[in-house]
Structures are given as structure tokens and as C-alpha cells.
């Protein structure tokens, strides 16, 4: 979850096009990897009978 905390900035800083802030390709790729890992971890924590099919 420590890595996921880095995603907080992505929730607001780069939300709207045309803002002055920009993200590097490497940072964007890292954020995508973290998000995928969080999704997997959360999905794995949900009991199988509660998952959407």
C-alpha cells in the first residue's frame, strides 16, 4: 500500500487537460504498474463468491 500512496497525486494533479503540470513517460508507466498491482491485490482479497462474473 505504500506504493499506492504515490497514486494520490495522480488523482488530482494531472486530472484536467491543459493544466501546467505534466507527467513524464516513466512516471506514467510506473503509476500504471502500481495501479495494476493494487487492482490485483484488491481483487484477490475479495472472496470468489462475491466477485462479478
Protein backbone atom coordinates (compact mmCIF):
# COMPACT_ATOMS: atom_id res chain seq x y z
CA UNK A 1 0.00 0.00 0.00
CA UNK A 2 2.96 2.34 0.39
CA UNK A 3 3.44 2.33 -3.37
CA UNK A 4 -0.27 3.03 -3.85
CA UNK A 5 0.06 6.18 -1.75
CA UNK A 6 2.06 7.64 -4.62
CA UNK A 7 -1.11 7.42 -6.72
CA UNK A 8 -2.79 10.14 -4.65
CA UNK A 9 -1.06 12.87 -6.60
CA UNK A 10 -2.23 11.35 -9.87
CA UNK A 11 -5.82 11.64 -8.64
CA UNK A 12 -5.68 15.41 -8.78
CA UNK A 13 -2.54 16.83 -10.37
CA UNK A 14 -2.99 15.50 -13.90
CA UNK A 15 -6.77 15.26 -13.98
CA UNK A 16 -7.59 18.13 -16.32
CA UNK A 17 -6.02 18.65 -19.74
CA UNK A 18 -4.26 21.94 -20.25
CA UNK A 19 -3.02 22.27 -16.68
CA UNK A 20 0.59 23.34 -16.34
CA UNK A 21 1.64 20.11 -14.66
CA UNK A 22 2.80 17.28 -16.84
CA UNK A 23 3.90 13.75 -16.14
CA UNK A 24 6.90 12.02 -17.62
CA UNK A 25 6.52 8.81 -19.58
CA UNK A 26 8.45 6.89 -16.90
CA UNK A 27 6.27 8.25 -14.08
CA UNK A 28 3.10 7.45 -16.01
CA UNK A 29 4.31 3.91 -16.72
CA UNK A 30 5.18 3.41 -13.04
CA UNK A 31 1.76 4.70 -12.00
CA UNK A 32 0.07 2.24 -14.37
CA UNK A 33 2.12 -0.63 -12.92
CA UNK A 34 1.20 0.40 -9.36
CA UNK A 35 -2.48 0.71 -10.25
CA UNK A 36 -2.48 -2.73 -11.84
CA UNK A 37 -0.80 -4.21 -8.76
CA UNK A 38 -3.35 -2.55 -6.44
CA UNK A 39 -6.22 -3.82 -8.59
CA UNK A 40 -4.83 -7.35 -8.45
CA UNK A 41 -4.29 -7.21 -4.69
CA UNK A 42 -7.79 -5.88 -4.03
CA UNK A 43 -9.38 -8.38 -6.43
CA UNK A 44 -7.52 -11.23 -4.75
CA UNK A 45 -8.81 -10.08 -1.35
CA UNK A 46 -12.46 -10.30 -2.46
CA UNK A 47 -13.96 -13.75 -1.84
CA UNK A 48 -14.62 -15.65 -5.08
CA UNK A 49 -18.37 -15.84 -4.44
CA UNK A 50 -18.53 -12.02 -4.24
CA UNK A 51 -16.71 -11.26 -7.48
CA UNK A 52 -18.50 -10.04 -10.57
CA UNK A 53 -18.50 -12.52 -13.39
